[in-house]
N, C-alpha and C. Protein backbone atom coordinates (compact mmCIF):
# COMPACT_ATOMS: atom_id res chain seq x y z
N MET A 1 -8.80 -33.11 -32.66
CA MET A 1 -9.82 -32.06 -32.59
C MET A 1 -9.26 -30.80 -33.23
N GLY A 2 -9.80 -30.45 -34.33
CA GLY A 2 -9.36 -29.24 -35.00
C GLY A 2 -10.31 -28.10 -34.72
N ARG A 3 -9.81 -26.95 -34.94
CA ARG A 3 -10.67 -25.78 -34.76
C ARG A 3 -11.32 -25.45 -36.08
N GLY A 4 -12.56 -25.19 -36.00
CA GLY A 4 -13.27 -24.75 -37.19
C GLY A 4 -13.08 -23.26 -37.36
N PRO A 5 -13.60 -22.68 -38.41
CA PRO A 5 -13.48 -21.24 -38.64
C PRO A 5 -14.03 -20.42 -37.48
N SER A 6 -15.09 -20.93 -36.84
CA SER A 6 -15.67 -20.14 -35.74
C SER A 6 -14.72 -20.08 -34.54
N GLY A 7 -13.92 -21.14 -34.31
CA GLY A 7 -12.96 -21.14 -33.21
C GLY A 7 -11.85 -20.14 -33.44
N ILE A 8 -11.38 -20.01 -34.66
CA ILE A 8 -10.32 -19.06 -34.99
C ILE A 8 -10.84 -17.64 -34.85
N ASP A 9 -12.05 -17.40 -35.36
CA ASP A 9 -12.64 -16.07 -35.24
C ASP A 9 -12.81 -15.68 -33.78
N ASN A 10 -13.23 -16.63 -32.97
CA ASN A 10 -13.43 -16.38 -31.54
C ASN A 10 -12.09 -16.03 -30.89
N LEU A 11 -11.02 -16.72 -31.27
CA LEU A 11 -9.70 -16.42 -30.74
C LEU A 11 -9.24 -15.03 -31.14
N ARG A 12 -9.48 -14.66 -32.38
CA ARG A 12 -9.13 -13.30 -32.84
C ARG A 12 -9.88 -12.24 -32.05
N GLU A 13 -11.16 -12.49 -31.83
CA GLU A 13 -11.98 -11.53 -31.08
C GLU A 13 -11.44 -11.38 -29.65
N LYS A 14 -11.05 -12.50 -29.03
CA LYS A 14 -10.51 -12.44 -27.67
C LYS A 14 -9.21 -11.65 -27.63
N ARG A 15 -8.33 -11.90 -28.63
CA ARG A 15 -7.07 -11.18 -28.66
C ARG A 15 -7.29 -9.69 -28.87
N GLU A 16 -8.22 -9.33 -29.73
CA GLU A 16 -8.52 -7.92 -29.97
C GLU A 16 -9.08 -7.28 -28.69
N ALA A 17 -9.96 -7.98 -28.01
CA ALA A 17 -10.53 -7.46 -26.77
C ALA A 17 -9.43 -7.27 -25.72
N ASN A 18 -8.48 -8.20 -25.64
CA ASN A 18 -7.38 -8.07 -24.69
C ASN A 18 -6.51 -6.87 -25.02
N ARG A 19 -6.25 -6.63 -26.30
CA ARG A 19 -5.44 -5.47 -26.69
C ARG A 19 -6.14 -4.17 -26.33
N VAL A 20 -7.44 -4.10 -26.56
CA VAL A 20 -8.19 -2.89 -26.24
C VAL A 20 -8.20 -2.66 -24.74
N MET A 21 -8.39 -3.71 -23.98
CA MET A 21 -8.42 -3.57 -22.52
C MET A 21 -7.05 -3.18 -21.99
N ALA A 22 -5.99 -3.72 -22.56
CA ALA A 22 -4.64 -3.38 -22.11
C ALA A 22 -4.33 -1.91 -22.39
N ARG A 23 -4.75 -1.41 -23.52
CA ARG A 23 -4.50 -0.01 -23.85
C ARG A 23 -5.27 0.93 -22.94
N SER A 24 -6.49 0.57 -22.57
CA SER A 24 -7.29 1.46 -21.75
C SER A 24 -6.70 1.61 -20.35
N GLY A 25 -5.96 0.62 -19.88
CA GLY A 25 -5.35 0.69 -18.56
C GLY A 25 -4.14 1.59 -18.50
N THR A 26 -3.53 1.88 -19.65
CA THR A 26 -2.32 2.68 -19.63
C THR A 26 -2.60 4.16 -19.46
N LYS A 27 -3.78 4.59 -19.81
CA LYS A 27 -4.12 6.01 -19.64
C LYS A 27 -4.52 6.24 -18.20
N ARG A 28 -3.71 6.96 -17.50
CA ARG A 28 -4.00 7.27 -16.10
C ARG A 28 -4.33 8.75 -15.98
N LYS A 29 -5.36 9.04 -15.24
CA LYS A 29 -5.72 10.42 -15.01
C LYS A 29 -4.72 11.01 -14.02
N LYS A 30 -4.13 12.11 -14.37
CA LYS A 30 -3.18 12.77 -13.46
C LYS A 30 -3.98 13.44 -12.35
N LEU A 31 -3.69 13.01 -11.15
CA LEU A 31 -4.40 13.57 -10.00
C LEU A 31 -3.71 14.86 -9.57
N ASP A 32 -4.51 15.83 -9.22
CA ASP A 32 -3.98 17.13 -8.86
C ASP A 32 -3.98 17.27 -7.35
N TYR A 33 -2.88 16.81 -6.73
CA TYR A 33 -2.75 16.90 -5.29
C TYR A 33 -1.86 18.10 -4.94
N PRO A 34 -2.15 18.75 -3.83
CA PRO A 34 -1.27 19.84 -3.40
C PRO A 34 0.07 19.28 -2.93
N ASP A 35 1.12 20.09 -3.03
CA ASP A 35 2.44 19.65 -2.60
C ASP A 35 2.50 19.44 -1.09
N GLU A 36 1.77 20.23 -0.36
CA GLU A 36 1.81 20.14 1.09
C GLU A 36 0.40 20.18 1.66
N THR A 37 0.14 19.28 2.60
CA THR A 37 -1.16 19.23 3.28
C THR A 37 -0.89 19.12 4.77
N ASN A 38 -1.96 19.17 5.56
CA ASN A 38 -1.80 18.98 7.01
C ASN A 38 -1.15 17.63 7.28
N GLY A 39 -1.57 16.59 6.55
CA GLY A 39 -1.03 15.26 6.76
C GLY A 39 0.46 15.17 6.47
N THR A 40 0.91 15.82 5.40
CA THR A 40 2.33 15.77 5.08
C THR A 40 3.14 16.55 6.11
N ARG A 41 2.59 17.66 6.60
CA ARG A 41 3.29 18.43 7.64
C ARG A 41 3.38 17.63 8.93
N TRP A 42 2.28 16.98 9.33
CA TRP A 42 2.27 16.18 10.55
C TRP A 42 3.22 14.99 10.42
N ALA A 43 3.25 14.37 9.26
CA ALA A 43 4.14 13.22 9.05
C ALA A 43 5.61 13.65 9.14
N ALA A 44 5.93 14.81 8.57
CA ALA A 44 7.30 15.31 8.63
C ALA A 44 7.69 15.60 10.08
N GLU A 45 6.78 16.18 10.83
CA GLU A 45 7.06 16.47 12.23
C GLU A 45 7.23 15.18 13.03
N ALA A 46 6.39 14.19 12.76
CA ALA A 46 6.49 12.91 13.46
C ALA A 46 7.82 12.22 13.15
N ARG A 47 8.25 12.25 11.87
CA ARG A 47 9.54 11.66 11.50
C ARG A 47 10.69 12.36 12.22
N LYS A 48 10.60 13.68 12.30
CA LYS A 48 11.65 14.47 12.95
C LYS A 48 11.74 14.12 14.44
N LEU A 49 10.58 14.02 15.09
CA LEU A 49 10.57 13.66 16.51
C LEU A 49 11.03 12.22 16.73
N ALA A 50 10.60 11.32 15.85
CA ALA A 50 10.96 9.91 16.00
C ALA A 50 12.46 9.69 15.83
N SER A 51 13.08 10.48 14.98
CA SER A 51 14.51 10.30 14.77
C SER A 51 15.33 10.69 15.99
N LYS A 52 14.75 11.46 16.89
CA LYS A 52 15.45 11.88 18.11
C LYS A 52 15.25 10.91 19.27
N MET A 53 14.40 9.89 19.10
CA MET A 53 14.09 8.95 20.19
C MET A 53 15.21 7.95 20.40
N THR A 54 15.31 7.50 21.64
CA THR A 54 16.24 6.42 21.95
C THR A 54 15.58 5.09 21.58
N ALA A 55 16.36 4.03 21.59
CA ALA A 55 15.82 2.70 21.27
C ALA A 55 14.74 2.30 22.28
N GLU A 56 14.94 2.64 23.55
CA GLU A 56 13.95 2.31 24.58
C GLU A 56 12.64 3.07 24.35
N GLN A 57 12.75 4.34 23.97
CA GLN A 57 11.54 5.12 23.70
C GLN A 57 10.80 4.57 22.48
N ARG A 58 11.54 4.19 21.44
CA ARG A 58 10.89 3.61 20.26
C ARG A 58 10.18 2.31 20.61
N ALA A 59 10.83 1.47 21.43
CA ALA A 59 10.23 0.21 21.85
C ALA A 59 8.95 0.45 22.64
N GLU A 60 8.97 1.44 23.51
CA GLU A 60 7.77 1.76 24.31
C GLU A 60 6.64 2.27 23.43
N HIS A 61 6.94 3.14 22.48
CA HIS A 61 5.90 3.63 21.57
C HIS A 61 5.34 2.49 20.72
N PHE A 62 6.22 1.60 20.27
CA PHE A 62 5.77 0.45 19.49
C PHE A 62 4.84 -0.43 20.32
N ARG A 63 5.22 -0.70 21.57
CA ARG A 63 4.40 -1.53 22.46
C ARG A 63 3.03 -0.91 22.67
N ARG A 64 3.01 0.40 22.93
CA ARG A 64 1.73 1.08 23.15
C ARG A 64 0.87 1.09 21.88
N ALA A 65 1.51 1.22 20.71
CA ALA A 65 0.77 1.19 19.45
C ALA A 65 0.13 -0.18 19.23
N MET A 66 0.86 -1.24 19.55
CA MET A 66 0.32 -2.59 19.39
C MET A 66 -0.87 -2.82 20.31
N VAL A 67 -0.78 -2.29 21.52
CA VAL A 67 -1.91 -2.40 22.46
C VAL A 67 -3.11 -1.65 21.89
N ARG A 68 -2.87 -0.48 21.33
CA ARG A 68 -3.97 0.31 20.77
C ARG A 68 -4.58 -0.40 19.56
N ILE A 69 -3.75 -0.98 18.72
CA ILE A 69 -4.24 -1.65 17.51
C ILE A 69 -4.96 -2.95 17.85
N TYR A 70 -4.32 -3.79 18.65
CA TYR A 70 -4.86 -5.13 18.90
C TYR A 70 -5.64 -5.24 20.19
N GLY A 71 -5.61 -4.22 21.04
CA GLY A 71 -6.36 -4.24 22.28
C GLY A 71 -5.66 -5.06 23.35
N GLY A 72 -6.30 -5.14 24.50
CA GLY A 72 -5.72 -5.92 25.59
C GLY A 72 -4.71 -5.10 26.38
N GLN A 73 -4.12 -5.78 27.33
CA GLN A 73 -3.13 -5.14 28.19
C GLN A 73 -1.74 -5.48 27.69
N PRO A 74 -0.82 -4.55 27.81
CA PRO A 74 0.55 -4.83 27.37
C PRO A 74 1.19 -5.88 28.28
N LYS A 75 2.05 -6.69 27.69
CA LYS A 75 2.76 -7.70 28.46
C LYS A 75 4.14 -7.16 28.83
N GLU A 76 4.53 -7.40 30.05
CA GLU A 76 5.81 -6.88 30.54
C GLU A 76 6.99 -7.55 29.85
N ALA A 77 6.88 -8.86 29.57
CA ALA A 77 8.00 -9.60 29.03
C ALA A 77 8.21 -9.31 27.54
N ALA A 78 7.18 -8.89 26.85
CA ALA A 78 7.29 -8.66 25.42
C ALA A 78 8.05 -7.38 25.15
N GLY A 79 8.87 -7.41 24.14
CA GLY A 79 9.63 -6.21 23.78
C GLY A 79 10.22 -6.36 22.41
N ALA A 80 10.52 -5.26 21.79
CA ALA A 80 11.14 -5.28 20.47
C ALA A 80 12.65 -5.37 20.67
N ARG A 81 13.21 -6.47 20.27
CA ARG A 81 14.66 -6.66 20.42
C ARG A 81 15.28 -6.74 19.05
N HIS A 82 16.36 -6.02 18.89
CA HIS A 82 17.05 -6.02 17.59
C HIS A 82 18.45 -6.50 17.75
């Protein structure tokens, strides 16, 4: 099975379309975000507080977060062990 002239032309058209599409993806609009927002300040404060926690406190916060995310009652036997 050989390709006729129309098959080669179709392949060229596909390759050209792929090149054009690839080039259009490289241009990214630079987003103008502020350096500091309420969210970045809150996140920095949370990281600072979390770094002062003991392993037991971190495990308790993790357990409570899982209950909040997945619902239900916390299990006494479950715990984060490292």
